[in-house]
């Protein structure tokens, strides 16, 4: 009997699934942490990064507008704004001070917005959080202030400077002219830069050693299926010893235990012992790590129930 013909929608579905899988494979990256543990990342799509930038700029514009309105109200309601350029008394100087405060506030807001949020434990601005993406170090380590500052200072070179030159060239006479065309080319080179490297890196990412990856909202992974009651009873850890690590380190530790590689177990055991001030137990690394994992997980889950989260050892 001849099988029924597939509908057009059913014929398209396998092709669409293959395209999604191919895209995910293209964006998947694996890095080795300083502990020797492989961590998998999924690069953020360019569309998500663009959406995050638009959301951040809208929020920055909103905060700028509110700040400007507040300072304007201060100038009108308290000092009196009329005739500021002719006033040379204390009120005039106060108005000039308010204007200087406005300029400084606008500069700091635009330049500090990204750095402030990306230096936080989530590594993401409100725009990035809305798209469930974040900034990560390409070596699998911790984001540093130098990385964040470098990638955000380059944004002025990539975006704000060429846009400023374009606007100035247009205001000067309507046509762009050689300077305007140069500014347009400058802008296009940096705007299209992520399309011409396999990791979708901005120039700022390339300089800073960062990339932008997906950050799906997840809970703690299910506990290891293997019972660790025995090791937990053998090794007991004080609150101060457990407080030095957070969810990120718990996930790394869990991966080490699942992979069960002797050299990785020994390296992580030595690192934890050095961190909490204990003598490493040579030959009993797995039991030690299982006990630490169990008690650290219990502590973090108890904190979550009380509304407290510790993203990592820096949190």
C-alpha atoms as a PDB file:
ATOM      1  CA  UNK A   1       0.000   0.000   0.000  1.00  0.00           C
ATOM      2  CA  UNK A   2       1.392   3.396  -0.939  1.00  0.00           C
ATOM      3  CA  UNK A   3       2.198   5.556   2.117  1.00  0.00           C
ATOM      4  CA  UNK A   4       0.251   8.806   2.404  1.00  0.00           C
ATOM      5  CA  UNK A   5       1.938  11.847   0.946  1.00  0.00           C
ATOM      6  CA  UNK A   6       3.486  14.273   3.428  1.00  0.00           C
ATOM      7  CA  UNK A   7       1.953  17.705   3.694  1.00  0.00           C
ATOM      8  CA  UNK A   8       4.000  20.725   2.728  1.00  0.00           C
ATOM      9  CA  UNK A   9       4.319  21.677   6.412  1.00  0.00           C
ATOM     10  CA  UNK A  10       5.590  18.198   7.359  1.00  0.00           C
ATOM     11  CA  UNK A  11       8.094  18.259   4.508  1.00  0.00           C
ATOM     12  CA  UNK A  12       9.450  21.608   5.736  1.00  0.00           C
ATOM     13  CA  UNK A  13       9.728  20.560   9.382  1.00  0.00           C
ATOM     14  CA  UNK A  14      12.801  18.235   9.083  1.00  0.00           C
ATOM     15  CA  UNK A  15      14.620  20.885   7.064  1.00  0.00           C
ATOM     16  CA  UNK A  16      13.851  23.525   9.699  1.00  0.00           C
ATOM     17  CA  UNK A  17      15.048  21.208  12.481  1.00  0.00           C
ATOM     18  CA  UNK A  18      18.259  20.548  10.572  1.00  0.00           C
ATOM     19  CA  UNK A  19      18.833  24.278  10.164  1.00  0.00           C
ATOM     20  CA  UNK A  20      18.309  24.881  13.889  1.00  0.00           C
ATOM     21  CA  UNK A  21      20.698  22.062  14.788  1.00  0.00           C
ATOM     22  CA  UNK A  22      23.299  23.328  12.341  1.00  0.00           C
ATOM     23  CA  UNK A  23      23.032  26.835  13.802  1.00  0.00           C
ATOM     24  CA  UNK A  24      23.406  25.510  17.353  1.00  0.00           C
ATOM     25  CA  UNK A  25      26.426  23.435  16.350  1.00  0.00           C
ATOM     26  CA  UNK A  26      27.995  26.498  14.747  1.00  0.00           C
ATOM     27  CA  UNK A  27      27.485  28.570  17.894  1.00  0.00           C
ATOM     28  CA  UNK A  28      28.563  25.941  20.442  1.00  0.00           C
ATOM     29  CA  UNK A  29      31.954  26.488  22.082  1.00  0.00           C
ATOM     30  CA  UNK A  30      33.840  24.562  24.774  1.00  0.00           C
ATOM     31  CA  UNK A  31      36.549  26.090  26.978  1.00  0.00           C
ATOM     32  CA  UNK A  32      38.769  24.604  29.666  1.00  0.00           C
ATOM     33  CA  UNK A  33      38.563  26.300  33.075  1.00  0.00           C
ATOM     34  CA  UNK A  34      41.661  26.874  35.234  1.00  0.00           C
ATOM     35  CA  UNK A  35      40.612  23.714  37.137  1.00  0.00           C
ATOM     36  CA  UNK A  36      40.884  21.695  33.918  1.00  0.00           C
ATOM     37  CA  UNK A  37      37.120  21.266  33.551  1.00  0.00           C
ATOM     38  CA  UNK A  38      35.504  21.701  30.106  1.00  0.00           C
ATOM     39  CA  UNK A  39      32.597  24.166  30.044  1.00  0.00           C
ATOM     40  CA  UNK A  40      30.181  24.445  27.122  1.00  0.00           C
ATOM     41  CA  UNK A  41      28.827  27.806  25.951  1.00  0.00           C
ATOM     42  CA  UNK A  42      26.374  28.777  23.243  1.00  0.00           C
ATOM     43  CA  UNK A  43      27.249  32.017  21.475  1.00  0.00           C
ATOM     44  CA  UNK A  44      24.449  34.559  21.515  1.00  0.00           C
ATOM     45  CA  UNK A  45      22.791  35.171  18.119  1.00  0.00           C
ATOM     46  CA  UNK A  46      23.509  38.539  16.555  1.00  0.00           C
ATOM     47  CA  UNK A  47      19.774  39.320  16.634  1.00  0.00           C
ATOM     48  CA  UNK A  48      19.683  38.870  20.412  1.00  0.00           C
ATOM     49  CA  UNK A  49      22.704  41.130  20.833  1.00  0.00           C
ATOM     50  CA  UNK A  50      21.102  43.810  18.668  1.00  0.00           C
ATOM     51  CA  UNK A  51      17.845  43.526  20.615  1.00  0.00           C
ATOM     52  CA  UNK A  52      19.721  43.858  23.906  1.00  0.00           C
ATOM     53  CA  UNK A  53      21.513  46.981  22.638  1.00  0.00           C
ATOM     54  CA  UNK A  54      18.217  48.575  21.588  1.00  0.00           C
ATOM     55  CA  UNK A  55      16.641  47.847  24.993  1.00  0.00           C
ATOM     56  CA  UNK A  56      19.667  49.289  26.801  1.00  0.00           C
ATOM     57  CA  UNK A  57      19.647  52.443  24.670  1.00  0.00           C
ATOM     58  CA  UNK A  58      15.928  52.927  25.300  1.00  0.00           C
ATOM     59  CA  UNK A  59      16.484  52.570  29.044  1.00  0.00           C
ATOM     60  CA  UNK A  60      19.479  54.906  28.947  1.00  0.00           C
ATOM     61  CA  UNK A  61      17.399  57.450  27.022  1.00  0.00           C
ATOM     62  CA  UNK A  62      14.594  57.157  29.563  1.00  0.00           C
ATOM     63  CA  UNK A  63      16.946  57.689  32.509  1.00  0.00           C
ATOM     64  CA  UNK A  64      18.579  60.610  30.688  1.00  0.00           C
ATOM     65  CA  UNK A  65      15.175  62.191  30.091  1.00  0.00           C
ATOM     66  CA  UNK A  66      14.131  61.799  33.728  1.00  0.00           C
ATOM     67  CA  UNK A  67      17.469  63.161  34.959  1.00  0.00           C
ATOM     68  CA  UNK A  68      17.275  66.104  32.555  1.00  0.00           C
ATOM     69  CA  UNK A  69      13.710  66.887  33.620  1.00  0.00           C
ATOM     70  CA  UNK A  70      14.677  66.752  37.291  1.00  0.00           C
ATOM     71  CA  UNK A  71      17.629  69.096  36.775  1.00  0.00           C
ATOM     72  CA  UNK A  72      15.524  71.410  34.625  1.00  0.00           C
ATOM     73  CA  UNK A  73      12.860  71.525  37.331  1.00  0.00           C
ATOM     74  CA  UNK A  74      15.580  72.274  39.858  1.00  0.00           C
ATOM     75  CA  UNK A  75      16.868  75.127  37.729  1.00  0.00           C
ATOM     76  CA  UNK A  76      13.419  76.641  37.123  1.00  0.00           C
ATOM     77  CA  UNK A  77      11.813  76.039  40.489  1.00  0.00           C
ATOM     78  CA  UNK A  78      14.714  76.816  42.787  1.00  0.00           C
ATOM     79  CA  UNK A  79      17.001  79.215  40.968  1.00  0.00           C
ATOM     80  CA  UNK A  80      14.930  80.676  38.144  1.00  0.00           C
ATOM     81  CA  UNK A  81      16.071  79.897  34.612  1.00  0.00           C
ATOM     82  CA  UNK A  82      15.267  83.097  32.732  1.00  0.00           C
ATOM     83  CA  UNK A  83      18.197  85.224  31.667  1.00  0.00           C
ATOM     84  CA  UNK A  84      20.881  82.813  32.800  1.00  0.00           C
ATOM     85  CA  UNK A  85      23.388  84.157  30.296  1.00  0.00           C
ATOM     86  CA  UNK A  86      23.000  87.667  31.661  1.00  0.00           C
ATOM     87  CA  UNK A  87      23.133  86.772  35.340  1.00  0.00           C
ATOM     88  CA  UNK A  88      26.424  87.042  37.146  1.00  0.00           C
ATOM     89  CA  UNK A  89      25.257  86.787  40.725  1.00  0.00           C
ATOM     90  CA  UNK A  90      25.050  83.701  42.963  1.00  0.00           C
ATOM     91  CA  UNK A  91      21.875  82.478  41.236  1.00  0.00           C
ATOM     92  CA  UNK A  92      23.551  82.617  37.847  1.00  0.00           C
ATOM     93  CA  UNK A  93      26.538  80.663  39.121  1.00  0.00           C
ATOM     94  CA  UNK A  94      24.190  78.083  40.676  1.00  0.00           C
ATOM     95  CA  UNK A  95      22.416  77.639  37.349  1.00  0.00           C
ATOM     96  CA  UNK A  96      25.729  77.151  35.603  1.00  0.00           C
ATOM     97  CA  UNK A  97      26.612  74.547  38.201  1.00  0.00           C
ATOM     98  CA  UNK A  98      23.347  72.685  37.490  1.00  0.00           C
ATOM     99  CA  UNK A  99      24.200  72.735  33.773  1.00  0.00           C
ATOM    100  CA  UNK A 100      27.660  71.300  34.445  1.00  0.00           C
ATOM    101  CA  UNK A 101      26.092  68.583  36.632  1.00  0.00           C
ATOM    102  CA  UNK A 102      23.787  67.705  33.718  1.00  0.00           C
ATOM    103  CA  UNK A 103      26.684  67.350  31.291  1.00  0.00           C
ATOM    104  CA  UNK A 104      28.643  65.150  33.713  1.00  0.00           C
ATOM    105  CA  UNK A 105      25.563  63.034  34.510  1.00  0.00           C
ATOM    106  CA  UNK A 106      24.839  62.416  30.819  1.00  0.00           C
ATOM    107  CA  UNK A 107      28.455  61.457  30.144  1.00  0.00           C
ATOM    108  CA  UNK A 108      28.663  59.087  33.094  1.00  0.00           C
ATOM    109  CA  UNK A 109      25.298  57.500  32.391  1.00  0.00           C
ATOM    110  CA  UNK A 110      26.118  56.677  28.808  1.00  0.00           C
ATOM    111  CA  UNK A 111      29.585  55.371  29.548  1.00  0.00           C
ATOM    112  CA  UNK A 112      29.024  53.716  32.913  1.00  0.00           C
ATOM    113  CA  UNK A 113      25.729  51.932  32.208  1.00  0.00           C
ATOM    114  CA  UNK A 114      27.292  48.925  30.478  1.00  0.00           C
ATOM    115  CA  UNK A 115      30.341  48.674  32.728  1.00  0.00           C
ATOM    116  CA  UNK A 116      28.288  48.890  35.946  1.00  0.00           C
ATOM    117  CA  UNK A 117      25.919  46.059  35.066  1.00  0.00           C
ATOM    118  CA  UNK A 118      28.450  43.810  33.312  1.00  0.00           C
ATOM    119  CA  UNK A 119      30.772  43.987  36.313  1.00  0.00           C
ATOM    120  CA  UNK A 120      27.947  42.560  38.424  1.00  0.00           C
ATOM    121  CA  UNK A 121      27.529  38.861  39.218  1.00  0.00           C
ATOM    122  CA  UNK A 122      25.225  38.281  36.226  1.00  0.00           C
ATOM    123  CA  UNK A 123      27.620  39.826  33.691  1.00  0.00           C
ATOM    124  CA  UNK A 124      24.655  41.376  31.873  1.00  0.00           C
ATOM    125  CA  UNK A 125      22.916  44.714  31.414  1.00  0.00           C
ATOM    126  CA  UNK A 126      19.102  44.911  31.671  1.00  0.00           C
ATOM    127  CA  UNK A 127      18.969  44.656  27.875  1.00  0.00           C
ATOM    128  CA  UNK A 128      21.073  41.500  27.849  1.00  0.00           C
ATOM    129  CA  UNK A 129      19.018  40.006  30.670  1.00  0.00           C
ATOM    130  CA  UNK A 130      15.846  40.630  28.645  1.00  0.00           C
ATOM    131  CA  UNK A 131      17.380  38.571  25.812  1.00  0.00           C
ATOM    132  CA  UNK A 132      18.876  35.986  28.215  1.00  0.00           C
ATOM    133  CA  UNK A 133      22.452  36.585  27.164  1.00  0.00           C
ATOM    134  CA  UNK A 134      25.529  37.704  29.090  1.00  0.00           C
ATOM    135  CA  UNK A 135      29.196  38.568  28.746  1.00  0.00           C
ATOM    136  CA  UNK A 136      31.703  35.779  29.471  1.00  0.00           C
ATOM    137  CA  UNK A 137      35.480  35.475  29.407  1.00  0.00           C
ATOM    138  CA  UNK A 138      36.742  33.466  26.445  1.00  0.00           C
ATOM    139  CA  UNK A 139      39.173  31.559  28.663  1.00  0.00           C
ATOM    140  CA  UNK A 140      36.378  30.277  30.915  1.00  0.00           C
ATOM    141  CA  UNK A 141      37.608  32.294  33.879  1.00  0.00           C
ATOM    142  CA  UNK A 142      36.154  35.178  35.822  1.00  0.00           C
ATOM    143  CA  UNK A 143      35.321  38.458  34.108  1.00  0.00           C
ATOM    144  CA  UNK A 144      37.700  41.162  35.277  1.00  0.00           C
ATOM    145  CA  UNK A 145      37.238  44.909  35.506  1.00  0.00           C
ATOM    146  CA  UNK A 146      39.921  45.356  32.838  1.00  0.00           C
ATOM    147  CA  UNK A 147      37.944  43.201  30.372  1.00  0.00           C
ATOM    148  CA  UNK A 148      34.688  45.049  30.950  1.00  0.00           C
ATOM    149  CA  UNK A 149      36.261  48.508  30.807  1.00  0.00           C
ATOM    150  CA  UNK A 150      38.164  47.659  27.615  1.00  0.00           C
ATOM    151  CA  UNK A 151      35.148  46.255  25.750  1.00  0.00           C
ATOM    152  CA  UNK A 152      33.005  49.248  26.698  1.00  0.00           C
ATOM    153  CA  UNK A 153      35.583  51.940  25.967  1.00  0.00           C
ATOM    154  CA  UNK A 154      35.848  50.497  22.465  1.00  0.00           C
ATOM    155  CA  UNK A 155      32.103  51.090  22.002  1.00  0.00           C
ATOM    156  CA  UNK A 156      32.816  54.822  21.678  1.00  0.00           C
ATOM    157  CA  UNK A 157      35.262  54.094  18.863  1.00  0.00           C
ATOM    158  CA  UNK A 158      32.894  51.613  17.215  1.00  0.00           C
ATOM    159  CA  UNK A 159      29.642  53.531  17.513  1.00  0.00           C
ATOM    160  CA  UNK A 160      29.474  56.962  19.118  1.00  0.00           C
ATOM    161  CA  UNK A 161      32.412  58.649  17.396  1.00  0.00           C
ATOM    162  CA  UNK A 162      31.453  57.755  13.799  1.00  0.00           C
ATOM    163  CA  UNK A 163      27.787  58.585  14.489  1.00  0.00           C
ATOM    164  CA  UNK A 164      28.854  61.963  15.925  1.00  0.00           C
ATOM    165  CA  UNK A 165      30.950  62.686  12.813  1.00  0.00           C
ATOM    166  CA  UNK A 166      28.048  61.661  10.565  1.00  0.00           C
ATOM    167  CA  UNK A 167      25.651  63.987  12.369  1.00  0.00           C
ATOM    168  CA  UNK A 168      28.165  66.829  12.271  1.00  0.00           C
ATOM    169  CA  UNK A 169      28.771  66.325   8.541  1.00  0.00           C
ATOM    170  CA  UNK A 170      25.042  66.304   7.815  1.00  0.00           C
ATOM    171  CA  UNK A 171      24.411  69.396   9.918  1.00  0.00           C
ATOM    172  CA  UNK A 172      27.157  71.188   8.058  1.00  0.00           C
ATOM    173  CA  UNK A 173      25.358  71.203   4.720  1.00  0.00           C
ATOM    174  CA  UNK A 174      23.097  68.227   4.152  1.00  0.00           C
ATOM    175  CA  UNK A 175      25.482  66.173   1.984  1.00  0.00           C
ATOM    176  CA  UNK A 176      28.001  63.910   3.634  1.00  0.00           C
ATOM    177  CA  UNK A 177      31.109  64.909   1.710  1.00  0.00           C
ATOM    178  CA  UNK A 178      34.464  63.119   2.077  1.00  0.00           C
ATOM    179  CA  UNK A 179      34.511  63.340   5.885  1.00  0.00           C
ATOM    180  CA  UNK A 180      30.939  62.038   6.144  1.00  0.00           C
ATOM    181  CA  UNK A 181      31.658  59.163   3.771  1.00  0.00           C
ATOM    182  CA  UNK A 182      34.725  58.266   5.795  1.00  0.00           C
ATOM    183  CA  UNK A 183      32.642  58.302   8.981  1.00  0.00           C
ATOM    184  CA  UNK A 184      29.983  56.125   7.309  1.00  0.00           C
ATOM    185  CA  UNK A 185      32.647  53.646   6.220  1.00  0.00           C
ATOM    186  CA  UNK A 186      34.121  53.681   9.717  1.00  0.00           C
ATOM    187  CA  UNK A 187      30.700  52.916  11.208  1.00  0.00           C
ATOM    188  CA  UNK A 188      29.965  50.106   8.728  1.00  0.00           C
ATOM    189  CA  UNK A 189      33.316  48.399   9.303  1.00  0.00           C
ATOM    190  CA  UNK A 190      32.707  48.086  13.032  1.00  0.00           C
ATOM    191  CA  UNK A 191      28.954  47.417  12.712  1.00  0.00           C
ATOM    192  CA  UNK A 192      29.566  44.508  10.351  1.00  0.00           C
ATOM    193  CA  UNK A 193      32.656  43.247  12.186  1.00  0.00           C
ATOM    194  CA  UNK A 194      30.755  40.455  14.066  1.00  0.00           C
ATOM    195  CA  UNK A 195      29.579  38.999  10.740  1.00  0.00           C
ATOM    196  CA  UNK A 196      33.122  38.306   9.581  1.00  0.00           C
ATOM    197  CA  UNK A 197      34.504  36.224  12.463  1.00  0.00           C
ATOM    198  CA  UNK A 198      33.321  32.831  13.625  1.00  0.00           C
ATOM    199  CA  UNK A 199      32.677  33.912  17.227  1.00  0.00           C
ATOM    200  CA  UNK A 200      30.530  36.964  16.357  1.00  0.00           C
ATOM    201  CA  UNK A 201      32.971  39.180  18.235  1.00  0.00           C
ATOM    202  CA  UNK A 202      32.803  42.951  18.360  1.00  0.00           C
ATOM    203  CA  UNK A 203      36.126  44.759  18.162  1.00  0.00           C
ATOM    204  CA  UNK A 204      35.697  45.412  21.891  1.00  0.00           C
ATOM    205  CA  UNK A 205      35.261  41.681  22.546  1.00  0.00           C
ATOM    206  CA  UNK A 206      38.353  40.896  20.509  1.00  0.00           C
ATOM    207  CA  UNK A 207      40.478  43.351  22.500  1.00  0.00           C
ATOM    208  CA  UNK A 208      39.024  42.424  25.906  1.00  0.00           C
ATOM    209  CA  UNK A 209      39.068  38.633  25.515  1.00  0.00           C
ATOM    210  CA  UNK A 210      35.304  38.306  25.965  1.00  0.00           C
ATOM    211  CA  UNK A 211      32.317  37.024  24.057  1.00  0.00           C
ATOM    212  CA  UNK A 212      28.564  37.197  24.508  1.00  0.00           C
ATOM    213  CA  UNK A 213      26.849  33.879  25.238  1.00  0.00           C
ATOM    214  CA  UNK A 214      23.365  32.620  25.948  1.00  0.00           C
ATOM    215  CA  UNK A 215      22.349  32.599  29.600  1.00  0.00           C
ATOM    216  CA  UNK A 216      19.124  30.580  29.879  1.00  0.00           C
ATOM    217  CA  UNK A 217      17.330  30.884  33.176  1.00  0.00           C
ATOM    218  CA  UNK A 218      18.064  27.666  35.036  1.00  0.00           C
ATOM    219  CA  UNK A 219      17.854  26.240  38.506  1.00  0.00           C
ATOM    220  CA  UNK A 220      20.472  24.137  40.179  1.00  0.00           C
ATOM    221  CA  UNK A 221      20.987  20.954  38.187  1.00  0.00           C
ATOM    222  CA  UNK A 222      19.529  17.741  39.646  1.00  0.00           C
ATOM    223  CA  UNK A 223      21.718  16.281  42.326  1.00  0.00           C
ATOM    224  CA  UNK A 224      24.150  13.522  41.513  1.00  0.00           C
ATOM    225  CA  UNK A 225      22.364  10.185  41.473  1.00  0.00           C
ATOM    226  CA  UNK A 226      25.121   8.445  43.368  1.00  0.00           C
ATOM    227  CA  UNK A 227      24.572   8.395  47.130  1.00  0.00           C
ATOM    228  CA  UNK A 228      27.100  10.453  49.019  1.00  0.00           C
ATOM    229  CA  UNK A 229      25.779   9.957  52.531  1.00  0.00           C
ATOM    230  CA  UNK A 230      28.878   8.063  53.628  1.00  0.00           C
ATOM    231  CA  UNK A 231      31.439  10.690  52.543  1.00  0.00           C
ATOM    232  CA  UNK A 232      29.201  13.460  53.856  1.00  0.00           C
ATOM    233  CA  UNK A 233      29.243  11.855  57.274  1.00  0.00           C
ATOM    234  CA  UNK A 234      33.025  11.401  57.119  1.00  0.00           C
ATOM    235  CA  UNK A 235      33.806  14.992  56.173  1.00  0.00           C
ATOM    236  CA  UNK A 236      31.998  17.866  57.818  1.00  0.00           C
ATOM    237  CA  UNK A 237      32.491  21.469  56.755  1.00  0.00           C
ATOM    238  CA  UNK A 238      31.852  24.622  58.731  1.00  0.00           C
ATOM    239  CA  UNK A 239      29.654  27.422  57.438  1.00  0.00           C
ATOM    240  CA  UNK A 240      32.691  29.600  56.714  1.00  0.00           C
ATOM    241  CA  UNK A 241      34.242  26.811  54.616  1.00  0.00           C
ATOM    242  CA  UNK A 242      31.084  26.437  52.518  1.00  0.00           C
ATOM    243  CA  UNK A 243      30.486  30.190  52.182  1.00  0.00           C
ATOM    244  CA  UNK A 244      33.527  30.691  49.940  1.00  0.00           C
ATOM    245  CA  UNK A 245      31.815  29.171  46.874  1.00  0.00           C
ATOM    246  CA  UNK A 246      28.566  29.661  44.975  1.00  0.00           C
ATOM    247  CA  UNK A 247      26.409  28.153  42.238  1.00  0.00           C
ATOM    248  CA  UNK A 248      29.011  28.452  39.498  1.00  0.00           C
ATOM    249  CA  UNK A 249      31.610  26.553  41.519  1.00  0.00           C
ATOM    250  CA  UNK A 250      29.000  23.939  42.471  1.00  0.00           C
ATOM    251  CA  UNK A 251      28.289  23.296  38.791  1.00  0.00           C
ATOM    252  CA  UNK A 252      31.999  22.985  38.036  1.00  0.00           C
ATOM    253  CA  UNK A 253      32.440  20.590  40.948  1.00  0.00           C
ATOM    254  CA  UNK A 254      29.475  18.511  39.799  1.00  0.00           C
ATOM    255  CA  UNK A 255      30.943  18.230  36.329  1.00  0.00           C
ATOM    256  CA  UNK A 256      34.256  17.078  37.769  1.00  0.00           C
ATOM    257  CA  UNK A 257      32.491  14.384  39.797  1.00  0.00           C
ATOM    258  CA  UNK A 258      30.438  13.195  36.836  1.00  0.00           C
ATOM    259  CA  UNK A 259      33.461  12.907  34.565  1.00  0.00           C
ATOM    260  CA  UNK A 260      35.438  11.165  37.340  1.00  0.00           C
ATOM    261  CA  UNK A 261      38.913  11.894  35.950  1.00  0.00           C
ATOM    262  CA  UNK A 262      41.550  11.278  38.602  1.00  0.00           C
ATOM    263  CA  UNK A 263      43.766  14.225  37.637  1.00  0.00           C
ATOM    264  CA  UNK A 264      40.837  16.668  37.648  1.00  0.00           C
ATOM    265  CA  UNK A 265      39.592  15.330  41.006  1.00  0.00           C
ATOM    266  CA  UNK A 266      43.034  15.791  42.533  1.00  0.00           C
ATOM    267  CA  UNK A 267      43.465  19.305  41.101  1.00  0.00           C
ATOM    268  CA  UNK A 268      40.057  20.517  42.303  1.00  0.00           C
ATOM    269  CA  UNK A 269      40.539  18.903  45.707  1.00  0.00           C
ATOM    270  CA  UNK A 270      43.860  20.722  46.172  1.00  0.00           C
ATOM    271  CA  UNK A 271      42.300  24.016  45.086  1.00  0.00           C
ATOM    272  CA  UNK A 272      39.373  23.711  47.503  1.00  0.00           C
ATOM    273  CA  UNK A 273      41.614  22.657  50.390  1.00  0.00           C
ATOM    274  CA  UNK A 274      43.903  25.617  49.768  1.00  0.00           C
ATOM    275  CA  UNK A 275      40.896  27.940  49.643  1.00  0.00           C
ATOM    276  CA  UNK A 276      39.370  26.751  52.926  1.00  0.00           C
ATOM    277  CA  UNK A 277      42.658  26.136  54.730  1.00  0.00           C
ATOM    278  CA  UNK A 278      42.592  22.334  54.973  1.00  0.00           C
ATOM    279  CA  UNK A 279      45.218  19.722  54.310  1.00  0.00           C
ATOM    280  CA  UNK A 280      44.495  17.821  51.087  1.00  0.00           C
ATOM    281  CA  UNK A 281      43.734  14.111  51.588  1.00  0.00           C
ATOM    282  CA  UNK A 282      45.780  12.357  48.922  1.00  0.00           C
ATOM    283  CA  UNK A 283      44.045   9.236  47.626  1.00  0.00           C
ATOM    284  CA  UNK A 284      40.647  10.182  49.048  1.00  0.00           C
ATOM    285  CA  UNK A 285      39.854  13.091  46.737  1.00  0.00           C
ATOM    286  CA  UNK A 286      36.526  11.811  45.423  1.00  0.00           C
ATOM    287  CA  UNK A 287      35.067  11.167  48.883  1.00  0.00           C
ATOM    288  CA  UNK A 288      36.213  14.617  50.000  1.00  0.00           C
ATOM    289  CA  UNK A 289      34.682  16.311  46.940  1.00  0.00           C
ATOM    290  CA  UNK A 290      31.427  14.361  47.194  1.00  0.00           C
ATOM    291  CA  UNK A 291      31.041  15.489  50.788  1.00  0.00           C
ATOM    292  CA  UNK A 292      31.837  19.091  49.921  1.00  0.00           C
ATOM    293  CA  UNK A 293      29.438  18.984  46.963  1.00  0.00           C
ATOM    294  CA  UNK A 294      26.578  17.611  49.078  1.00  0.00           C
ATOM    295  CA  UNK A 295      26.974  20.130  51.877  1.00  0.00           C
ATOM    296  CA  UNK A 296      27.564  23.090  49.541  1.00  0.00           C
ATOM    297  CA  UNK A 297      24.472  22.189  47.533  1.00  0.00           C
ATOM    298  CA  UNK A 298      22.359  21.922  50.697  1.00  0.00           C
ATOM    299  CA  UNK A 299      23.587  25.347  51.817  1.00  0.00           C
ATOM    300  CA  UNK A 300      22.817  26.990  48.463  1.00  0.00           C
ATOM    301  CA  UNK A 301      19.358  25.423  48.248  1.00  0.00           C
ATOM    302  CA  UNK A 302      18.565  26.592  51.765  1.00  0.00           C
ATOM    303  CA  UNK A 303      19.626  30.116  50.771  1.00  0.00           C
ATOM    304  CA  UNK A 304      17.373  30.017  47.699  1.00  0.00           C
ATOM    305  CA  UNK A 305      14.379  29.100  49.835  1.00  0.00           C
ATOM    306  CA  UNK A 306      15.073  32.217  51.895  1.00  0.00           C
ATOM    307  CA  UNK A 307      15.446  34.380  48.797  1.00  0.00           C
ATOM    308  CA  UNK A 308      19.249  34.554  48.903  1.00  0.00           C
ATOM    309  CA  UNK A 309      21.388  33.534  45.935  1.00  0.00           C
ATOM    310  CA  UNK A 310      25.140  33.300  45.634  1.00  0.00           C
ATOM    311  CA  UNK A 311      26.052  33.182  41.971  1.00  0.00           C
ATOM    312  CA  UNK A 312      29.728  32.426  42.532  1.00  0.00           C
ATOM    313  CA  UNK A 313      32.572  32.916  44.957  1.00  0.00           C
ATOM    314  CA  UNK A 314      32.628  36.642  44.195  1.00  0.00           C
ATOM    315  CA  UNK A 315      28.921  37.112  44.962  1.00  0.00           C
END
